[in-house]
């Protein structure tokens, strides 16, 4: 259907709006692609400009995933369309057409998609992230563990094949985008939350 196609395209285009780059431009901060970890994400914005711009970036990235899913629900989209909409929003964040396809690592946008799909899915993933972050004090490890478990959570809450497949793809891409963090974790050089880590 045309409506489904427009929904999926709109999700990708919304995902392509880089919150980090826009926030830094508006607030007179350096381009996050040229400073710190060179990653346009909330953690790098925190490093460059502090808590307020980082919080705005985090909120913006989450909304990019949440809003298309809510619209899809309002349109009573089928699970397959929900899956493609969420995946499109996530891919927009990773590979934004408006910013040379150089995007972030996708944790906040993925979480927004999960909350938009079902509050229990988003809530479970968020709780796992918070627990691991509290215990281990490493943001990237919390993201990797929570997002690795996300396909299982989707299957438990909403056991639809397409939704599980979409979340599996999202999780695999997110893990791939964190490959430098994985190397640091294995070598013991990944800094704790609040330190000078280069993961975000």
C-alpha atoms as a PDB file:
ATOM      1  CA  UNK A   1       0.000   0.000   0.000  1.00  0.00           C
ATOM      2  CA  UNK A   2       1.060   3.577  -0.664  1.00  0.00           C
ATOM      3  CA  UNK A   3       0.390   4.528   2.964  1.00  0.00           C
ATOM      4  CA  UNK A   4       2.720   1.784   4.205  1.00  0.00           C
ATOM      5  CA  UNK A   5       5.455   2.833   1.788  1.00  0.00           C
ATOM      6  CA  UNK A   6       5.160   6.479   2.823  1.00  0.00           C
ATOM      7  CA  UNK A   7       5.250   5.471   6.471  1.00  0.00           C
ATOM      8  CA  UNK A   8       8.455   3.481   6.015  1.00  0.00           C
ATOM      9  CA  UNK A   9      10.064   6.221   3.904  1.00  0.00           C
ATOM     10  CA  UNK A  10       9.024   8.863   6.420  1.00  0.00           C
ATOM     11  CA  UNK A  11      10.549   6.815   9.237  1.00  0.00           C
ATOM     12  CA  UNK A  12      13.870   6.653   7.398  1.00  0.00           C
ATOM     13  CA  UNK A  13      13.863  10.383   6.647  1.00  0.00           C
ATOM     14  CA  UNK A  14      13.012  11.246  10.265  1.00  0.00           C
ATOM     15  CA  UNK A  15      15.749   8.898  11.438  1.00  0.00           C
ATOM     16  CA  UNK A  16      18.154  10.700   9.112  1.00  0.00           C
ATOM     17  CA  UNK A  17      17.785  13.952  11.054  1.00  0.00           C
ATOM     18  CA  UNK A  18      20.894  13.937  13.247  1.00  0.00           C
ATOM     19  CA  UNK A  19      19.965  15.276  16.660  1.00  0.00           C
ATOM     20  CA  UNK A  20      23.607  15.501  17.710  1.00  0.00           C
ATOM     21  CA  UNK A  21      24.690  17.597  14.739  1.00  0.00           C
ATOM     22  CA  UNK A  22      21.676  19.913  14.919  1.00  0.00           C
ATOM     23  CA  UNK A  23      21.957  20.417  18.683  1.00  0.00           C
ATOM     24  CA  UNK A  24      25.652  21.219  18.388  1.00  0.00           C
ATOM     25  CA  UNK A  25      25.023  23.692  15.562  1.00  0.00           C
ATOM     26  CA  UNK A  26      22.193  25.456  17.403  1.00  0.00           C
ATOM     27  CA  UNK A  27      24.130  25.614  20.684  1.00  0.00           C
ATOM     28  CA  UNK A  28      27.370  26.772  19.064  1.00  0.00           C
ATOM     29  CA  UNK A  29      29.304  23.591  19.782  1.00  0.00           C
ATOM     30  CA  UNK A  30      31.817  21.812  17.533  1.00  0.00           C
ATOM     31  CA  UNK A  31      30.566  19.290  15.013  1.00  0.00           C
ATOM     32  CA  UNK A  32      30.477  15.965  16.920  1.00  0.00           C
ATOM     33  CA  UNK A  33      31.859  14.233  13.840  1.00  0.00           C
ATOM     34  CA  UNK A  34      35.107  16.158  14.237  1.00  0.00           C
ATOM     35  CA  UNK A  35      35.556  16.096  18.025  1.00  0.00           C
ATOM     36  CA  UNK A  36      35.904  13.460  20.725  1.00  0.00           C
ATOM     37  CA  UNK A  37      34.994  10.026  19.400  1.00  0.00           C
ATOM     38  CA  UNK A  38      33.802  11.589  16.101  1.00  0.00           C
ATOM     39  CA  UNK A  39      30.456   9.864  16.677  1.00  0.00           C
ATOM     40  CA  UNK A  40      27.238  11.932  16.370  1.00  0.00           C
ATOM     41  CA  UNK A  41      25.641  10.546  19.504  1.00  0.00           C
ATOM     42  CA  UNK A  42      24.585  11.704  22.949  1.00  0.00           C
ATOM     43  CA  UNK A  43      27.716  10.440  24.740  1.00  0.00           C
ATOM     44  CA  UNK A  44      30.006  12.377  22.435  1.00  0.00           C
ATOM     45  CA  UNK A  45      27.825  15.480  22.766  1.00  0.00           C
ATOM     46  CA  UNK A  46      28.126  15.079  26.554  1.00  0.00           C
ATOM     47  CA  UNK A  47      31.878  15.070  26.128  1.00  0.00           C
ATOM     48  CA  UNK A  48      31.828  18.136  23.893  1.00  0.00           C
ATOM     49  CA  UNK A  49      29.141  20.307  25.449  1.00  0.00           C
ATOM     50  CA  UNK A  50      27.913  18.895  28.750  1.00  0.00           C
ATOM     51  CA  UNK A  51      24.705  17.449  30.117  1.00  0.00           C
ATOM     52  CA  UNK A  52      22.036  19.730  28.637  1.00  0.00           C
ATOM     53  CA  UNK A  53      22.922  19.327  24.946  1.00  0.00           C
ATOM     54  CA  UNK A  54      23.529  15.623  25.561  1.00  0.00           C
ATOM     55  CA  UNK A  55      20.086  15.231  27.150  1.00  0.00           C
ATOM     56  CA  UNK A  56      18.441  17.054  24.238  1.00  0.00           C
ATOM     57  CA  UNK A  57      20.316  14.834  21.789  1.00  0.00           C
ATOM     58  CA  UNK A  58      19.262  11.700  23.653  1.00  0.00           C
ATOM     59  CA  UNK A  59      15.630  12.821  23.642  1.00  0.00           C
ATOM     60  CA  UNK A  60      15.743  13.701  19.950  1.00  0.00           C
ATOM     61  CA  UNK A  61      17.302  10.384  18.972  1.00  0.00           C
ATOM     62  CA  UNK A  62      14.701   8.488  21.007  1.00  0.00           C
ATOM     63  CA  UNK A  63      11.794  10.401  19.460  1.00  0.00           C
ATOM     64  CA  UNK A  64      13.073   9.507  15.978  1.00  0.00           C
ATOM     65  CA  UNK A  65      12.404   5.873  16.774  1.00  0.00           C
ATOM     66  CA  UNK A  66       9.289   6.362  18.889  1.00  0.00           C
ATOM     67  CA  UNK A  67       7.239   8.702  16.693  1.00  0.00           C
ATOM     68  CA  UNK A  68       7.090   6.596  13.500  1.00  0.00           C
ATOM     69  CA  UNK A  69       6.054   3.563  15.531  1.00  0.00           C
ATOM     70  CA  UNK A  70       3.249   5.483  17.216  1.00  0.00           C
ATOM     71  CA  UNK A  71       2.021   6.706  13.830  1.00  0.00           C
ATOM     72  CA  UNK A  72       2.143   3.153  12.536  1.00  0.00           C
ATOM     73  CA  UNK A  73       0.001   1.998  15.459  1.00  0.00           C
ATOM     74  CA  UNK A  74      -2.478   4.816  14.824  1.00  0.00           C
ATOM     75  CA  UNK A  75      -2.754   3.641  11.227  1.00  0.00           C
ATOM     76  CA  UNK A  76      -3.334   0.096  12.488  1.00  0.00           C
ATOM     77  CA  UNK A  77      -0.310  -1.138  10.566  1.00  0.00           C
ATOM     78  CA  UNK A  78       0.343  -4.858  10.288  1.00  0.00           C
ATOM     79  CA  UNK A  79       3.300  -6.339  12.206  1.00  0.00           C
ATOM     80  CA  UNK A  80       5.334  -6.532   9.000  1.00  0.00           C
ATOM     81  CA  UNK A  81       4.873  -2.795   8.421  1.00  0.00           C
ATOM     82  CA  UNK A  82       5.693  -2.080  12.069  1.00  0.00           C
ATOM     83  CA  UNK A  83       8.883  -4.104  11.685  1.00  0.00           C
ATOM     84  CA  UNK A  84       9.935  -2.284   8.506  1.00  0.00           C
ATOM     85  CA  UNK A  85       9.049   1.113   9.991  1.00  0.00           C
ATOM     86  CA  UNK A  86      11.198   0.540  13.058  1.00  0.00           C
ATOM     87  CA  UNK A  87      14.058  -0.800  10.988  1.00  0.00           C
ATOM     88  CA  UNK A  88      13.838   2.182   8.621  1.00  0.00           C
ATOM     89  CA  UNK A  89      14.013   4.699  11.476  1.00  0.00           C
ATOM     90  CA  UNK A  90      17.027   2.891  12.916  1.00  0.00           C
ATOM     91  CA  UNK A  91      18.797   2.735   9.551  1.00  0.00           C
ATOM     92  CA  UNK A  92      18.120   6.442   9.086  1.00  0.00           C
ATOM     93  CA  UNK A  93      20.008   7.159  12.295  1.00  0.00           C
ATOM     94  CA  UNK A  94      22.922   4.918  11.333  1.00  0.00           C
ATOM     95  CA  UNK A  95      23.074   6.053   7.698  1.00  0.00           C
ATOM     96  CA  UNK A  96      21.421   9.502   7.472  1.00  0.00           C
ATOM     97  CA  UNK A  97      20.814  10.685   3.929  1.00  0.00           C
ATOM     98  CA  UNK A  98      21.047  14.336   5.058  1.00  0.00           C
ATOM     99  CA  UNK A  99      24.499  13.965   6.608  1.00  0.00           C
ATOM    100  CA  UNK A 100      26.549  11.925   4.182  1.00  0.00           C
ATOM    101  CA  UNK A 101      25.360   8.608   5.631  1.00  0.00           C
ATOM    102  CA  UNK A 102      27.578   9.153   8.692  1.00  0.00           C
ATOM    103  CA  UNK A 103      25.374   8.481  11.675  1.00  0.00           C
ATOM    104  CA  UNK A 104      25.548   7.312  15.260  1.00  0.00           C
ATOM    105  CA  UNK A 105      25.500   3.907  16.898  1.00  0.00           C
ATOM    106  CA  UNK A 106      21.744   3.803  17.388  1.00  0.00           C
ATOM    107  CA  UNK A 107      21.110   2.880  21.020  1.00  0.00           C
ATOM    108  CA  UNK A 108      18.644   5.684  21.788  1.00  0.00           C
ATOM    109  CA  UNK A 109      16.828   5.336  18.464  1.00  0.00           C
ATOM    110  CA  UNK A 110      16.561   1.569  18.890  1.00  0.00           C
ATOM    111  CA  UNK A 111      15.127   2.083  22.365  1.00  0.00           C
ATOM    112  CA  UNK A 112      12.607   4.544  20.949  1.00  0.00           C
ATOM    113  CA  UNK A 113      11.554   1.947  18.376  1.00  0.00           C
ATOM    114  CA  UNK A 114      11.166  -0.656  21.131  1.00  0.00           C
ATOM    115  CA  UNK A 115       9.032   1.605  23.317  1.00  0.00           C
ATOM    116  CA  UNK A 116       6.965   2.498  20.246  1.00  0.00           C
ATOM    117  CA  UNK A 117       6.430  -1.152  19.417  1.00  0.00           C
ATOM    118  CA  UNK A 118       5.266  -2.065  22.935  1.00  0.00           C
ATOM    119  CA  UNK A 119       5.951  -0.364  26.244  1.00  0.00           C
ATOM    120  CA  UNK A 120       6.833  -3.692  27.851  1.00  0.00           C
ATOM    121  CA  UNK A 121       9.549  -4.302  25.265  1.00  0.00           C
ATOM    122  CA  UNK A 122      11.078  -0.863  25.671  1.00  0.00           C
ATOM    123  CA  UNK A 123      10.734  -1.034  29.444  1.00  0.00           C
ATOM    124  CA  UNK A 124      12.434  -4.422  29.696  1.00  0.00           C
ATOM    125  CA  UNK A 125      15.358  -3.368  27.485  1.00  0.00           C
ATOM    126  CA  UNK A 126      15.734  -0.095  29.400  1.00  0.00           C
ATOM    127  CA  UNK A 127      15.719  -1.896  32.764  1.00  0.00           C
ATOM    128  CA  UNK A 128      18.425  -4.299  31.588  1.00  0.00           C
ATOM    129  CA  UNK A 129      20.506  -1.360  30.368  1.00  0.00           C
ATOM    130  CA  UNK A 130      20.091   0.460  33.679  1.00  0.00           C
ATOM    131  CA  UNK A 131      20.947  -2.648  35.713  1.00  0.00           C
ATOM    132  CA  UNK A 132      24.123  -3.422  33.759  1.00  0.00           C
ATOM    133  CA  UNK A 133      25.150   0.243  33.736  1.00  0.00           C
ATOM    134  CA  UNK A 134      24.614   0.448  37.503  1.00  0.00           C
ATOM    135  CA  UNK A 135      26.588  -2.711  38.234  1.00  0.00           C
ATOM    136  CA  UNK A 136      29.335  -2.540  35.628  1.00  0.00           C
ATOM    137  CA  UNK A 137      29.516   1.249  35.126  1.00  0.00           C
ATOM    138  CA  UNK A 138      30.207   0.850  31.395  1.00  0.00           C
ATOM    139  CA  UNK A 139      27.694   2.354  28.973  1.00  0.00           C
ATOM    140  CA  UNK A 140      28.753   0.374  25.913  1.00  0.00           C
ATOM    141  CA  UNK A 141      28.537  -2.937  27.796  1.00  0.00           C
ATOM    142  CA  UNK A 142      25.048  -2.050  29.011  1.00  0.00           C
ATOM    143  CA  UNK A 143      24.005  -1.269  25.437  1.00  0.00           C
ATOM    144  CA  UNK A 144      25.510  -4.459  24.023  1.00  0.00           C
ATOM    145  CA  UNK A 145      23.914  -6.729  26.625  1.00  0.00           C
ATOM    146  CA  UNK A 146      20.472  -5.104  26.589  1.00  0.00           C
ATOM    147  CA  UNK A 147      20.261  -4.963  22.802  1.00  0.00           C
ATOM    148  CA  UNK A 148      21.547  -8.523  22.444  1.00  0.00           C
ATOM    149  CA  UNK A 149      18.644  -9.665  24.615  1.00  0.00           C
ATOM    150  CA  UNK A 150      16.113  -7.478  22.783  1.00  0.00           C
ATOM    151  CA  UNK A 151      15.111 -10.093  20.154  1.00  0.00           C
ATOM    152  CA  UNK A 152      14.274 -12.542  22.951  1.00  0.00           C
ATOM    153  CA  UNK A 153      12.206  -9.864  24.702  1.00  0.00           C
ATOM    154  CA  UNK A 154      10.320  -9.100  21.493  1.00  0.00           C
ATOM    155  CA  UNK A 155       9.623 -12.805  21.020  1.00  0.00           C
ATOM    156  CA  UNK A 156       8.328 -13.125  24.589  1.00  0.00           C
ATOM    157  CA  UNK A 157       6.091 -10.039  24.431  1.00  0.00           C
ATOM    158  CA  UNK A 158       4.979 -10.110  20.782  1.00  0.00           C
ATOM    159  CA  UNK A 159       6.014 -13.381  19.111  1.00  0.00           C
ATOM    160  CA  UNK A 160       5.671 -12.278  15.507  1.00  0.00           C
ATOM    161  CA  UNK A 161       8.320 -13.543  13.089  1.00  0.00           C
ATOM    162  CA  UNK A 162       8.818 -10.251  11.246  1.00  0.00           C
ATOM    163  CA  UNK A 163       9.118  -8.243  14.458  1.00  0.00           C
ATOM    164  CA  UNK A 164      11.688 -10.654  15.857  1.00  0.00           C
ATOM    165  CA  UNK A 165      13.655 -10.623  12.595  1.00  0.00           C
ATOM    166  CA  UNK A 166      13.647  -6.811  12.457  1.00  0.00           C
ATOM    167  CA  UNK A 167      14.848  -6.559  16.039  1.00  0.00           C
ATOM    168  CA  UNK A 168      17.545  -9.155  15.360  1.00  0.00           C
ATOM    169  CA  UNK A 169      18.799  -7.080  12.424  1.00  0.00           C
ATOM    170  CA  UNK A 170      18.754  -3.937  14.583  1.00  0.00           C
ATOM    171  CA  UNK A 171      20.675  -5.709  17.349  1.00  0.00           C
ATOM    172  CA  UNK A 172      23.282  -7.111  14.955  1.00  0.00           C
ATOM    173  CA  UNK A 173      23.840  -3.729  13.313  1.00  0.00           C
ATOM    174  CA  UNK A 174      24.125  -2.062  16.711  1.00  0.00           C
ATOM    175  CA  UNK A 175      26.705  -4.627  17.824  1.00  0.00           C
ATOM    176  CA  UNK A 176      28.632  -4.061  14.587  1.00  0.00           C
ATOM    177  CA  UNK A 177      28.629  -0.307  15.173  1.00  0.00           C
ATOM    178  CA  UNK A 178      30.093  -0.957  18.639  1.00  0.00           C
ATOM    179  CA  UNK A 179      32.964  -3.107  17.352  1.00  0.00           C
ATOM    180  CA  UNK A 180      35.589  -0.613  18.542  1.00  0.00           C
ATOM    181  CA  UNK A 181      34.007  -0.677  21.995  1.00  0.00           C
ATOM    182  CA  UNK A 182      34.042  -4.475  21.972  1.00  0.00           C
ATOM    183  CA  UNK A 183      37.786  -4.407  21.293  1.00  0.00           C
ATOM    184  CA  UNK A 184      38.240  -2.030  24.227  1.00  0.00           C
ATOM    185  CA  UNK A 185      36.101  -4.186  26.477  1.00  0.00           C
ATOM    186  CA  UNK A 186      38.162  -7.252  25.601  1.00  0.00           C
ATOM    187  CA  UNK A 187      41.400  -5.399  26.267  1.00  0.00           C
ATOM    188  CA  UNK A 188      40.085  -3.844  29.472  1.00  0.00           C
ATOM    189  CA  UNK A 189      40.564  -0.294  28.198  1.00  0.00           C
ATOM    190  CA  UNK A 190      36.916   0.813  27.971  1.00  0.00           C
ATOM    191  CA  UNK A 191      36.351   3.596  30.487  1.00  0.00           C
ATOM    192  CA  UNK A 192      33.565   3.679  33.032  1.00  0.00           C
ATOM    193  CA  UNK A 193      30.511   5.924  32.888  1.00  0.00           C
ATOM    194  CA  UNK A 194      31.584   9.402  33.848  1.00  0.00           C
ATOM    195  CA  UNK A 195      35.094   8.829  32.576  1.00  0.00           C
ATOM    196  CA  UNK A 196      36.641   9.881  29.275  1.00  0.00           C
ATOM    197  CA  UNK A 197      35.456   6.937  27.198  1.00  0.00           C
ATOM    198  CA  UNK A 198      35.116   7.272  23.442  1.00  0.00           C
ATOM    199  CA  UNK A 199      32.098   5.071  22.960  1.00  0.00           C
ATOM    200  CA  UNK A 200      29.213   7.429  22.265  1.00  0.00           C
END
